[in-house]
Amino acid sequence: MKIGTWDRGEIIHWAGSHDISPALREDGSPALAGGPDPALRRCGWQAFFSALDSSGLVLVYDRDDPGAGALVPRAEGPGRAPAAGGDSRRFLRALLSARPAGPAGPQG
């Protein structure tokens, strides 16, 4: 079943599970980079999502073939999937728990 999403947590989770990084094309449009590509410039997630929002694209992937994903115009993508919020929440919990502890307080 094909799923279209613009949920940031879901996109980050999907990309992370497929070793894909956010990138921008020379014209500033968003892309997902799975390896070296001279036509793409890797960027941070904030720049990627800004370009994604302004271009009106969504990530479309297939739950039966999770390696296949593409950025397509929202009007052409399938309807928004039932929330995969469980995956997004699980990703965020893992991300936040991996943060290093703050500086140790005064030792006494």
PDB file of N, CA and C in Angstrom:
ATOM      1  N   MET A   1       0.836  -1.168   0.000  1.00  0.00           N
ATOM      2  CA  MET A   1       0.000   0.000   0.000  1.00  0.00           C
ATOM      3  C   MET A   1       0.891   1.246   0.000  1.00  0.00           C
ATOM      4  N   LYS A   2       0.658   2.146  -0.941  1.00  0.00           N
ATOM      5  CA  LYS A   2       1.430   3.384  -1.015  1.00  0.00           C
ATOM      6  C   LYS A   2       0.899   4.384   0.002  1.00  0.00           C
ATOM      7  N   ILE A   3       1.837   5.083   0.613  1.00  0.00           N
ATOM      8  CA  ILE A   3       1.518   6.049   1.651  1.00  0.00           C
ATOM      9  C   ILE A   3       2.169   7.370   1.290  1.00  0.00           C
ATOM     10  N   GLY A   4       1.430   8.455   1.410  1.00  0.00           N
ATOM     11  CA  GLY A   4       1.990   9.784   1.213  1.00  0.00           C
ATOM     12  C   GLY A   4       2.011  10.517   2.534  1.00  0.00           C
ATOM     13  N   THR A   5       3.140  11.113   2.876  1.00  0.00           N
ATOM     14  CA  THR A   5       3.237  11.824   4.146  1.00  0.00           C
ATOM     15  C   THR A   5       4.114  13.049   4.031  1.00  0.00           C
ATOM     16  N   TRP A   6       3.795  14.053   4.825  1.00  0.00           N
ATOM     17  CA  TRP A   6       4.657  15.217   4.973  1.00  0.00           C
ATOM     18  C   TRP A   6       4.997  15.391   6.445  1.00  0.00           C
ATOM     19  N   ASP A   7       4.666  14.381   7.261  1.00  0.00           N
ATOM     20  CA  ASP A   7       4.975  14.403   8.687  1.00  0.00           C
ATOM     21  C   ASP A   7       6.489  14.319   8.875  1.00  0.00           C
ATOM     22  N   ARG A   8       7.056  15.305   9.540  1.00  0.00           N
ATOM     23  CA  ARG A   8       8.516  15.380   9.671  1.00  0.00           C
ATOM     24  C   ARG A   8       9.102  14.177  10.398  1.00  0.00           C
ATOM     25  N   GLY A   9       8.480  13.783  11.476  1.00  0.00           N
ATOM     26  CA  GLY A   9       8.992  12.630  12.225  1.00  0.00           C
ATOM     27  C   GLY A   9       8.960  11.354  11.402  1.00  0.00           C
ATOM     28  N   GLU A  10       7.890  11.182  10.664  1.00  0.00           N
ATOM     29  CA  GLU A  10       7.752   9.988   9.830  1.00  0.00           C
ATOM     30  C   GLU A  10       8.793   9.971   8.710  1.00  0.00           C
ATOM     31  N   ILE A  11       9.044  11.135   8.105  1.00  0.00           N
ATOM     32  CA  ILE A  11      10.037  11.217   7.030  1.00  0.00           C
ATOM     33  C   ILE A  11      11.441  10.960   7.580  1.00  0.00           C
ATOM     34  N   ILE A  12      11.763  11.560   8.723  1.00  0.00           N
ATOM     35  CA  ILE A  12      13.080  11.338   9.328  1.00  0.00           C
ATOM     36  C   ILE A  12      13.251   9.873   9.688  1.00  0.00           C
ATOM     37  N   HIS A  13      12.216   9.266  10.240  1.00  0.00           N
ATOM     38  CA  HIS A  13      12.283   7.845  10.604  1.00  0.00           C
ATOM     39  C   HIS A  13      12.493   6.983   9.360  1.00  0.00           C
ATOM     40  N   TRP A  14      11.718   7.247   8.305  1.00  0.00           N
ATOM     41  CA  TRP A  14      11.854   6.473   7.070  1.00  0.00           C
ATOM     42  C   TRP A  14      13.258   6.628   6.499  1.00  0.00           C
ATOM     43  N   ALA A  15      13.730   7.867   6.419  1.00  0.00           N
ATOM     44  CA  ALA A  15      15.060   8.119   5.855  1.00  0.00           C
ATOM     45  C   ALA A  15      16.148   7.450   6.693  1.00  0.00           C
ATOM     46  N   GLY A  16      16.048   7.569   8.004  1.00  0.00           N
ATOM     47  CA  GLY A  16      17.057   6.962   8.877  1.00  0.00           C
ATOM     48  C   GLY A  16      17.096   5.457   8.757  1.00  0.00           C
ATOM     49  N   SER A  17      15.944   4.835   8.592  1.00  0.00           N
ATOM     50  CA  SER A  17      15.922   3.377   8.489  1.00  0.00           C
ATOM     51  C   SER A  17      16.413   2.882   7.131  1.00  0.00           C
ATOM     52  N   HIS A  18      16.619   3.812   6.184  1.00  0.00           N
ATOM     53  CA  HIS A  18      17.103   3.436   4.849  1.00  0.00           C
ATOM     54  C   HIS A  18      18.443   4.098   4.504  1.00  0.00           C
ATOM     55  N   ASP A  19      19.115   4.654   5.521  1.00  0.00           N
ATOM     56  CA  ASP A  19      20.411   5.323   5.323  1.00  0.00           C
ATOM     57  C   ASP A  19      20.332   6.392   4.240  1.00  0.00           C
ATOM     58  N   ILE A  20      19.303   7.207   4.311  1.00  0.00           N
ATOM     59  CA  ILE A  20      19.085   8.278   3.341  1.00  0.00           C
ATOM     60  C   ILE A  20      19.221   9.612   4.058  1.00  0.00           C
ATOM     61  N   SER A  21      19.847  10.581   3.391  1.00  0.00           N
ATOM     62  CA  SER A  21      20.084  11.897   3.974  1.00  0.00           C
ATOM     63  C   SER A  21      19.290  12.968   3.233  1.00  0.00           C
ATOM     64  N   PRO A  22      18.975  14.066   3.936  1.00  0.00           N
ATOM     65  CA  PRO A  22      18.306  15.182   3.263  1.00  0.00           C
ATOM     66  C   PRO A  22      19.294  15.900   2.354  1.00  0.00           C
ATOM     67  N   ALA A  23      18.786  16.403   1.236  1.00  0.00           N
ATOM     68  CA  ALA A  23      19.640  17.102   0.277  1.00  0.00           C
ATOM     69  C   ALA A  23      18.801  18.114  -0.492  1.00  0.00           C
ATOM     70  N   LEU A  24      19.511  18.977  -1.192  1.00  0.00           N
ATOM     71  CA  LEU A  24      18.860  19.946  -2.079  1.00  0.00           C
ATOM     72  C   LEU A  24      19.480  19.823  -3.460  1.00  0.00           C
ATOM     73  N   ARG A  25      18.655  19.997  -4.476  1.00  0.00           N
ATOM     74  CA  ARG A  25      19.145  20.039  -5.855  1.00  0.00           C
ATOM     75  C   ARG A  25      19.707  21.438  -6.118  1.00  0.00           C
ATOM     76  N   GLU A  26      20.362  21.604  -7.243  1.00  0.00           N
ATOM     77  CA  GLU A  26      20.946  22.900  -7.586  1.00  0.00           C
ATOM     78  C   GLU A  26      19.898  24.011  -7.625  1.00  0.00           C
ATOM     79  N   ASP A  27      18.660  23.668  -7.994  1.00  0.00           N
ATOM     80  CA  ASP A  27      17.595  24.677  -8.052  1.00  0.00           C
ATOM     81  C   ASP A  27      16.941  24.926  -6.694  1.00  0.00           C
ATOM     82  N   GLY A  28      17.419  24.247  -5.646  1.00  0.00           N
ATOM     83  CA  GLY A  28      16.889  24.433  -4.301  1.00  0.00           C
ATOM     84  C   GLY A  28      15.758  23.508  -3.937  1.00  0.00           C
ATOM     85  N   SER A  29      15.332  22.639  -4.856  1.00  0.00           N
ATOM     86  CA  SER A  29      14.248  21.705  -4.551  1.00  0.00           C
ATOM     87  C   SER A  29      14.784  20.576  -3.669  1.00  0.00           C
ATOM     88  N   PRO A  30      13.929  20.018  -2.807  1.00  0.00           N
ATOM     89  CA  PRO A  30      14.368  18.975  -1.891  1.00  0.00           C
ATOM     90  C   PRO A  30      14.600  17.649  -2.605  1.00  0.00           C
ATOM     91  N   ALA A  31      15.496  16.868  -2.032  1.00  0.00           N
ATOM     92  CA  ALA A  31      15.796  15.533  -2.560  1.00  0.00           C
ATOM     93  C   ALA A  31      16.229  14.670  -1.389  1.00  0.00           C
ATOM     94  N   LEU A  32      16.225  13.380  -1.600  1.00  0.00           N
ATOM     95  CA  LEU A  32      16.730  12.435  -0.609  1.00  0.00           C
ATOM     96  C   LEU A  32      17.910  11.703  -1.227  1.00  0.00           C
ATOM     97  N   ALA A  33      19.038  11.744  -0.556  1.00  0.00           N
ATOM     98  CA  ALA A  33      20.274  11.173  -1.094  1.00  0.00           C
ATOM     99  C   ALA A  33      20.611   9.869  -0.396  1.00  0.00           C
ATOM    100  N   GLY A  34      20.734   8.810  -1.198  1.00  0.00           N
ATOM    101  CA  GLY A  34      21.102   7.512  -0.663  1.00  0.00           C
ATOM    102  C   GLY A  34      22.570   7.186  -0.871  1.00  0.00           C
ATOM    103  N   GLY A  35      23.281   8.049  -1.524  1.00  0.00           N
ATOM    104  CA  GLY A  35      24.691   7.840  -1.803  1.00  0.00           C
ATOM    105  C   GLY A  35      25.240   9.064  -2.502  1.00  0.00           C
ATOM    106  N   PRO A  36      26.492   8.999  -2.920  1.00  0.00           N
ATOM    107  CA  PRO A  36      27.078  10.158  -3.594  1.00  0.00           C
ATOM    108  C   PRO A  36      26.321  10.500  -4.874  1.00  0.00           C
ATOM    109  N   ASP A  37      26.057  11.778  -5.047  1.00  0.00           N
ATOM    110  CA  ASP A  37      25.376  12.246  -6.248  1.00  0.00           C
ATOM    111  C   ASP A  37      25.823  13.678  -6.485  1.00  0.00           C
ATOM    112  N   PRO A  38      26.569  13.931  -7.559  1.00  0.00           N
ATOM    113  CA  PRO A  38      27.081  15.281  -7.787  1.00  0.00           C
ATOM    114  C   PRO A  38      25.986  16.326  -8.022  1.00  0.00           C
ATOM    115  N   ALA A  39      24.777  15.891  -8.347  1.00  0.00           N
ATOM    116  CA  ALA A  39      23.680  16.833  -8.589  1.00  0.00           C
ATOM    117  C   ALA A  39      23.001  17.266  -7.292  1.00  0.00           C
ATOM    118  N   LEU A  40      23.373  16.650  -6.167  1.00  0.00           N
ATOM    119  CA  LEU A  40      22.732  16.958  -4.889  1.00  0.00           C
ATOM    120  C   LEU A  40      23.737  17.543  -3.908  1.00  0.00           C
ATOM    121  N   ARG A  41      23.222  18.458  -3.072  1.00  0.00           N
ATOM    122  CA  ARG A  41      24.032  19.034  -1.996  1.00  0.00           C
ATOM    123  C   ARG A  41      23.356  18.636  -0.686  1.00  0.00           C
ATOM    124  N   ARG A  42      24.063  17.863   0.111  1.00  0.00           N
ATOM    125  CA  ARG A  42      23.496  17.438   1.398  1.00  0.00           C
ATOM    126  C   ARG A  42      23.231  18.669   2.250  1.00  0.00           C
ATOM    127  N   CYS A  43      22.179  18.596   3.050  1.00  0.00           N
ATOM    128  CA  CYS A  43      21.801  19.721   3.901  1.00  0.00           C
ATOM    129  C   CYS A  43      21.230  19.167   5.200  1.00  0.00           C
ATOM    130  N   GLY A  44      20.868  20.039   6.090  1.00  0.00           N
ATOM    131  CA  GLY A  44      20.219  19.632   7.335  1.00  0.00           C
ATOM    132  C   GLY A  44      18.722  19.455   7.129  1.00  0.00           C
ATOM    133  N   TRP A  45      18.076  18.870   8.120  1.00  0.00           N
ATOM    134  CA  TRP A  45      16.643  18.614   8.009  1.00  0.00           C
ATOM    135  C   TRP A  45      15.837  19.905   7.924  1.00  0.00           C
ATOM    136  N   GLN A  46      16.262  20.958   8.628  1.00  0.00           N
ATOM    137  CA  GLN A  46      15.495  22.208   8.590  1.00  0.00           C
ATOM    138  C   GLN A  46      15.434  22.769   7.168  1.00  0.00           C
ATOM    139  N   ALA A  47      16.581  22.809   6.481  1.00  0.00           N
ATOM    140  CA  ALA A  47      16.613  23.305   5.099  1.00  0.00           C
ATOM    141  C   ALA A  47      15.786  22.397   4.186  1.00  0.00           C
ATOM    142  N   PHE A  48      15.882  21.086   4.401  1.00  0.00           N
ATOM    143  CA  PHE A  48      15.120  20.129   3.597  1.00  0.00           C
ATOM    144  C   PHE A  48      13.619  20.361   3.762  1.00  0.00           C
ATOM    145  N   PHE A  49      13.155  20.461   5.021  1.00  0.00           N
ATOM    146  CA  PHE A  49      11.717  20.622   5.254  1.00  0.00           C
ATOM    147  C   PHE A  49      11.211  21.980   4.785  1.00  0.00           C
ATOM    148  N   SER A  50      12.036  22.994   4.873  1.00  0.00           N
ATOM    149  CA  SER A  50      11.651  24.301   4.345  1.00  0.00           C
ATOM    150  C   SER A  50      11.416  24.200   2.833  1.00  0.00           C
ATOM    151  N   ALA A  51      12.335  23.538   2.129  1.00  0.00           N
ATOM    152  CA  ALA A  51      12.186  23.348   0.679  1.00  0.00           C
ATOM    153  C   ALA A  51      11.001  22.435   0.362  1.00  0.00           C
ATOM    154  N   LEU A  52      10.790  21.407   1.172  1.00  0.00           N
ATOM    155  CA  LEU A  52       9.671  20.482   0.965  1.00  0.00           C
ATOM    156  C   LEU A  52       8.341  21.227   1.094  1.00  0.00           C
ATOM    157  N   ASP A  53       8.230  22.044   2.146  1.00  0.00           N
ATOM    158  CA  ASP A  53       6.992  22.800   2.362  1.00  0.00           C
ATOM    159  C   ASP A  53       6.740  23.787   1.228  1.00  0.00           C
ATOM    160  N   SER A  54       7.780  24.520   0.833  1.00  0.00           N
ATOM    161  CA  SER A  54       7.573  25.546  -0.192  1.00  0.00           C
ATOM    162  C   SER A  54       7.307  24.945  -1.571  1.00  0.00           C
ATOM    163  N   SER A  55       7.763  23.722  -1.804  1.00  0.00           N
ATOM    164  CA  SER A  55       7.529  23.104  -3.110  1.00  0.00           C
ATOM    165  C   SER A  55       6.245  22.270  -3.141  1.00  0.00           C
ATOM    166  N   GLY A  56       5.609  22.068  -1.987  1.00  0.00           N
ATOM    167  CA  GLY A  56       4.354  21.322  -1.948  1.00  0.00           C
ATOM    168  C   GLY A  56       4.512  19.837  -2.231  1.00  0.00           C
ATOM    169  N   LEU A  57       5.654  19.268  -1.830  1.00  0.00           N
ATOM    170  CA  LEU A  57       5.897  17.844  -2.072  1.00  0.00           C
ATOM    171  C   LEU A  57       5.610  17.010  -0.838  1.00  0.00           C
ATOM    172  N   VAL A  58       5.403  15.724  -1.059  1.00  0.00           N
ATOM    173  CA  VAL A  58       5.248  14.747   0.017  1.00  0.00           C
ATOM    174  C   VAL A  58       6.143  13.552  -0.292  1.00  0.00           C
ATOM    175  N   LEU A  59       6.493  12.825   0.747  1.00  0.00           N
ATOM    176  CA  LEU A  59       7.206  11.560   0.561  1.00  0.00           C
ATOM    177  C   LEU A  59       6.168  10.474   0.334  1.00  0.00           C
ATOM    178  N   VAL A  60       6.334   9.721  -0.742  1.00  0.00           N
ATOM    179  CA  VAL A  60       5.470   8.570  -1.005  1.00  0.00           C
ATOM    180  C   VAL A  60       6.338   7.330  -0.950  1.00  0.00           C
ATOM    181  N   TYR A  61       5.913   6.373  -0.131  1.00  0.00           N
ATOM    182  CA  TYR A  61       6.622   5.103  -0.042  1.00  0.00           C
ATOM    183  C   TYR A  61       5.606   3.984   0.074  1.00  0.00           C
ATOM    184  N   ASP A  62       6.074   2.783  -0.118  1.00  0.00           N
ATOM    185  CA  ASP A  62       5.203   1.617  -0.116  1.00  0.00           C
ATOM    186  C   ASP A  62       5.565   0.755   1.087  1.00  0.00           C
ATOM    187  N   ARG A  63       4.594   0.496   1.951  1.00  0.00           N
ATOM    188  CA  ARG A  63       4.872  -0.341   3.135  1.00  0.00           C
ATOM    189  C   ARG A  63       5.315  -1.745   2.737  1.00  0.00           C
ATOM    190  N   ASP A  64       4.893  -2.220   1.566  1.00  0.00           N
ATOM    191  CA  ASP A  64       5.291  -3.550   1.110  1.00  0.00           C
ATOM    192  C   ASP A  64       6.666  -3.542   0.456  1.00  0.00           C
ATOM    193  N   ASP A  65       7.138  -2.384   0.034  1.00  0.00           N
ATOM    194  CA  ASP A  65       8.463  -2.231  -0.575  1.00  0.00           C
ATOM    195  C   ASP A  65       9.088  -0.983   0.033  1.00  0.00           C
ATOM    196  N   PRO A  66       9.481  -1.053   1.315  1.00  0.00           N
ATOM    197  CA  PRO A  66       9.885   0.139   2.037  1.00  0.00           C
ATOM    198  C   PRO A  66      11.116   0.839   1.482  1.00  0.00           C
ATOM    199  N   GLY A  67      11.899   0.193   0.634  1.00  0.00           N
ATOM    200  CA  GLY A  67      13.068   0.834   0.058  1.00  0.00           C
ATOM    201  C   GLY A  67      12.728   1.802  -1.050  1.00  0.00           C
ATOM    202  N   ALA A  68      11.516   1.700  -1.580  1.00  0.00           N
ATOM    203  CA  ALA A  68      11.114   2.567  -2.691  1.00  0.00           C
ATOM    204  C   ALA A  68      10.392   3.782  -2.138  1.00  0.00           C
ATOM    205  N   GLY A  69      10.979   4.946  -2.331  1.00  0.00           N
ATOM    206  CA  GLY A  69      10.363   6.188  -1.880  1.00  0.00           C
ATOM    207  C   GLY A  69      10.648   7.285  -2.878  1.00  0.00           C
ATOM    208  N   ALA A  70       9.730   8.245  -2.973  1.00  0.00           N
ATOM    209  CA  ALA A  70       9.907   9.351  -3.909  1.00  0.00           C
ATOM    210  C   ALA A  70       9.205  10.583  -3.365  1.00  0.00           C
ATOM    211  N   LEU A  71       9.704  11.747  -3.754  1.00  0.00           N
ATOM    212  CA  LEU A  71       9.045  13.008  -3.426  1.00  0.00           C
ATOM    213  C   LEU A  71       8.177  13.390  -4.616  1.00  0.00           C
ATOM    214  N   VAL A  72       6.889  13.556  -4.372  1.00  0.00           N
ATOM    215  CA  VAL A  72       5.943  13.886  -5.444  1.00  0.00           C
ATOM    216  C   VAL A  72       5.051  15.038  -4.992  1.00  0.00           C
ATOM    217  N   PRO A  73       4.421  15.761  -5.927  1.00  0.00           N
ATOM    218  CA  PRO A  73       3.485  16.819  -5.541  1.00  0.00           C
ATOM    219  C   PRO A  73       2.338  16.249  -4.701  1.00  0.00           C
ATOM    220  N   ARG A  74       1.918  17.014  -3.700  1.00  0.00           N
ATOM    221  CA  ARG A  74       0.842  16.545  -2.808  1.00  0.00           C
ATOM    222  C   ARG A  74      -0.395  16.119  -3.571  1.00  0.00           C
ATOM    223  N   ALA A  75      -0.736  16.839  -4.615  1.00  0.00           N
ATOM    224  CA  ALA A  75      -1.950  16.519  -5.382  1.00  0.00           C
ATOM    225  C   ALA A  75      -1.843  15.167  -6.083  1.00  0.00           C
ATOM    226  N   GLU A  76      -0.625  14.716  -6.376  1.00  0.00           N
ATOM    227  CA  GLU A  76      -0.442  13.448  -7.086  1.00  0.00           C
ATOM    228  C   GLU A  76      -0.207  12.280  -6.148  1.00  0.00           C
ATOM    229  N   GLY A  77       0.127  12.560  -4.900  1.00  0.00           N
ATOM    230  CA  GLY A  77       0.417  11.494  -3.943  1.00  0.00           C
ATOM    231  C   GLY A  77      -0.851  10.867  -3.417  1.00  0.00           C
ATOM    232  N   PRO A  78      -0.735   9.664  -2.866  1.00  0.00           N
ATOM    233  CA  PRO A  78      -1.908   9.027  -2.261  1.00  0.00           C
ATOM    234  C   PRO A  78      -2.331   9.806  -1.023  1.00  0.00           C
ATOM    235  N   GLY A  79      -3.533   9.559  -0.569  1.00  0.00           N
ATOM    236  CA  GLY A  79      -4.017  10.225   0.636  1.00  0.00           C
ATOM    237  C   GLY A  79      -3.111   9.960   1.819  1.00  0.00           C
ATOM    238  N   ARG A  80      -3.179  10.836   2.755  1.00  0.00           N
ATOM    239  CA  ARG A  80      -2.357  10.713   3.960  1.00  0.00           C
ATOM    240  C   ARG A  80      -2.663   9.398   4.648  1.00  0.00           C
ATOM    241  N   ALA A  81      -1.612   8.745   5.043  1.00  0.00           N
ATOM    242  CA  ALA A  81      -1.737   7.446   5.697  1.00  0.00           C
ATOM    243  C   ALA A  81      -2.325   7.597   7.082  1.00  0.00           C
ATOM    244  N   PRO A  82      -2.932   6.532   7.571  1.00  0.00           N
ATOM    245  CA  PRO A  82      -3.291   6.558   8.983  1.00  0.00           C
ATOM    246  C   PRO A  82      -2.012   6.825   9.756  1.00  0.00           C
ATOM    247  N   ALA A  83      -2.099   7.618  10.773  1.00  0.00           N
ATOM    248  CA  ALA A  83      -0.901   8.076  11.488  1.00  0.00           C
ATOM    249  C   ALA A  83       0.032   6.931  11.817  1.00  0.00           C
ATOM    250  N   ALA A  84       1.235   7.096  11.371  1.00  0.00           N
ATOM    251  CA  ALA A  84       2.297   6.172  11.765  1.00  0.00           C
ATOM    252  C   ALA A  84       2.981   6.791  12.968  1.00  0.00           C
ATOM    253  N   GLY A  85       2.193   7.465  13.772  1.00  0.00           N
ATOM    254  CA  GLY A  85       2.718   8.192  14.918  1.00  0.00           C
ATOM    255  C   GLY A  85       3.498   7.314  15.865  1.00  0.00           C
ATOM    256  N   GLY A  86       3.126   6.038  15.954  1.00  0.00           N
ATOM    257  CA  GLY A  86       3.874   5.149  16.826  1.00  0.00           C
ATOM    258  C   GLY A  86       5.323   5.089  16.411  1.00  0.00           C
ATOM    259  N   ASP A  87       5.578   4.981  15.111  1.00  0.00           N
ATOM    260  CA  ASP A  87       6.952   4.962  14.625  1.00  0.00           C
ATOM    261  C   ASP A  87       7.633   6.289  14.894  1.00  0.00           C
ATOM    262  N   SER A  88       6.928   7.401  14.667  1.00  0.00           N
ATOM    263  CA  SER A  88       7.519   8.717  14.888  1.00  0.00           C
ATOM    264  C   SER A  88       7.835   8.922  16.361  1.00  0.00           C
ATOM    265  N   ARG A  89       6.900   8.556  17.213  1.00  0.00           N
ATOM    266  CA  ARG A  89       7.145   8.706  18.651  1.00  0.00           C
ATOM    267  C   ARG A  89       8.305   7.834  19.092  1.00  0.00           C
ATOM    268  N   ARG A  90       8.383   6.616  18.570  1.00  0.00           N
ATOM    269  CA  ARG A  90       9.486   5.723  18.916  1.00  0.00           C
ATOM    270  C   ARG A  90      10.811   6.320  18.461  1.00  0.00           C
ATOM    271  N   PHE A  91      10.832   6.911  17.261  1.00  0.00           N
ATOM    272  CA  PHE A  91      12.052   7.542  16.761  1.00  0.00           C
ATOM    273  C   PHE A  91      12.456   8.704  17.670  1.00  0.00           C
ATOM    274  N   LEU A  92      11.492   9.561  18.022  1.00  0.00           N
ATOM    275  CA  LEU A  92      11.818  10.718  18.857  1.00  0.00           C
ATOM    276  C   LEU A  92      12.296  10.293  20.237  1.00  0.00           C
ATOM    277  N   ARG A  93      11.674   9.273  20.828  1.00  0.00           N
ATOM    278  CA  ARG A  93      12.144   8.783  22.130  1.00  0.00           C
ATOM    279  C   ARG A  93      13.580   8.314  22.021  1.00  0.00           C
ATOM    280  N   ALA A  94      13.889   7.574  20.957  1.00  0.00           N
ATOM    281  CA  ALA A  94      15.258   7.080  20.775  1.00  0.00           C
ATOM    282  C   ALA A  94      16.220   8.241  20.569  1.00  0.00           C
ATOM    283  N   LEU A  95      15.816   9.220  19.786  1.00  0.00           N
ATOM    284  CA  LEU A  95      16.669  10.374  19.518  1.00  0.00           C
ATOM    285  C   LEU A  95      16.944  11.141  20.806  1.00  0.00           C
ATOM    286  N   LEU A  96      15.900  11.413  21.576  1.00  0.00           N
ATOM    287  CA  LEU A  96      16.064  12.200  22.794  1.00  0.00           C
ATOM    288  C   LEU A  96      16.809  11.442  23.878  1.00  0.00           C
ATOM    289  N   SER A  97      16.654  10.144  23.944  1.00  0.00           N
ATOM    290  CA  SER A  97      17.365   9.378  24.975  1.00  0.00           C
ATOM    291  C   SER A  97      18.834   9.237  24.647  1.00  0.00           C
ATOM    292  N   ALA A  98      19.208   9.479  23.386  1.00  0.00           N
ATOM    293  CA  ALA A  98      20.612   9.372  22.993  1.00  0.00           C
ATOM    294  C   ALA A  98      21.377  10.656  23.275  1.00  0.00           C
ATOM    295  N   ARG A  99      20.692  11.690  23.734  1.00  0.00           N
ATOM    296  CA  ARG A  99      21.362  12.953  24.012  1.00  0.00           C
ATOM    297  C   ARG A  99      22.315  12.775  25.186  1.00  0.00           C
ATOM    298  N   PRO A 100      23.492  13.378  25.103  1.00  0.00           N
ATOM    299  CA  PRO A 100      24.414  13.296  26.224  1.00  0.00           C
ATOM    300  C   PRO A 100      23.851  14.059  27.412  1.00  0.00           C
ATOM    301  N   ALA A 101      24.167  13.590  28.594  1.00  0.00           N
ATOM    302  CA  ALA A 101      23.712  14.255  29.800  1.00  0.00           C
ATOM    303  C   ALA A 101      24.339  15.638  29.869  1.00  0.00           C
ATOM    304  N   GLY A 102      23.642  16.553  30.507  1.00  0.00           N
ATOM    305  CA  GLY A 102      24.169  17.920  30.673  1.00  0.00           C
ATOM    306  C   GLY A 102      25.404  17.898  31.543  1.00  0.00           C
ATOM    307  N   PRO A 103      26.045  19.046  31.687  1.00  0.00           N
ATOM    308  CA  PRO A 103      27.256  19.095  32.498  1.00  0.00           C
ATOM    309  C   PRO A 103      26.932  18.709  33.939  1.00  0.00           C
ATOM    310  N   ALA A 104      27.841  17.987  34.507  1.00  0.00           N
ATOM    311  CA  ALA A 104      27.658  17.568  35.898  1.00  0.00           C
ATOM    312  C   ALA A 104      27.685  18.803  36.794  1.00  0.00           C
ATOM    313  N   GLY A 105      26.834  18.803  37.766  1.00  0.00           N
ATOM    314  CA  GLY A 105      26.780  19.926  38.693  1.00  0.00           C
ATOM    315  C   GLY A 105      28.036  19.970  39.556  1.00  0.00           C
ATOM    316  N   PRO A 106      28.057  20.884  40.498  1.00  0.00           N
ATOM    317  CA  PRO A 106      29.221  20.989  41.374  1.00  0.00           C
ATOM    318  C   PRO A 106      29.457  19.673  42.102  1.00  0.00           C
ATOM    319  N   GLN A 107      30.646  19.285  42.155  1.00  0.00           N
ATOM    320  CA  GLN A 107      31.020  18.056  42.843  1.00  0.00           C
ATOM    321  C   GLN A 107      31.298  18.427  44.300  1.00  0.00           C
ATOM    322  N   GLY A 108      30.749  17.672  45.200  1.00  0.00           N
ATOM    323  CA  GLY A 108      30.949  18.106  46.576  1.00  0.00           C
ATOM    324  C   GLY A 108      31.324  17.084  47.474  1.00  0.00           C
TER     325      GLY A 108
END
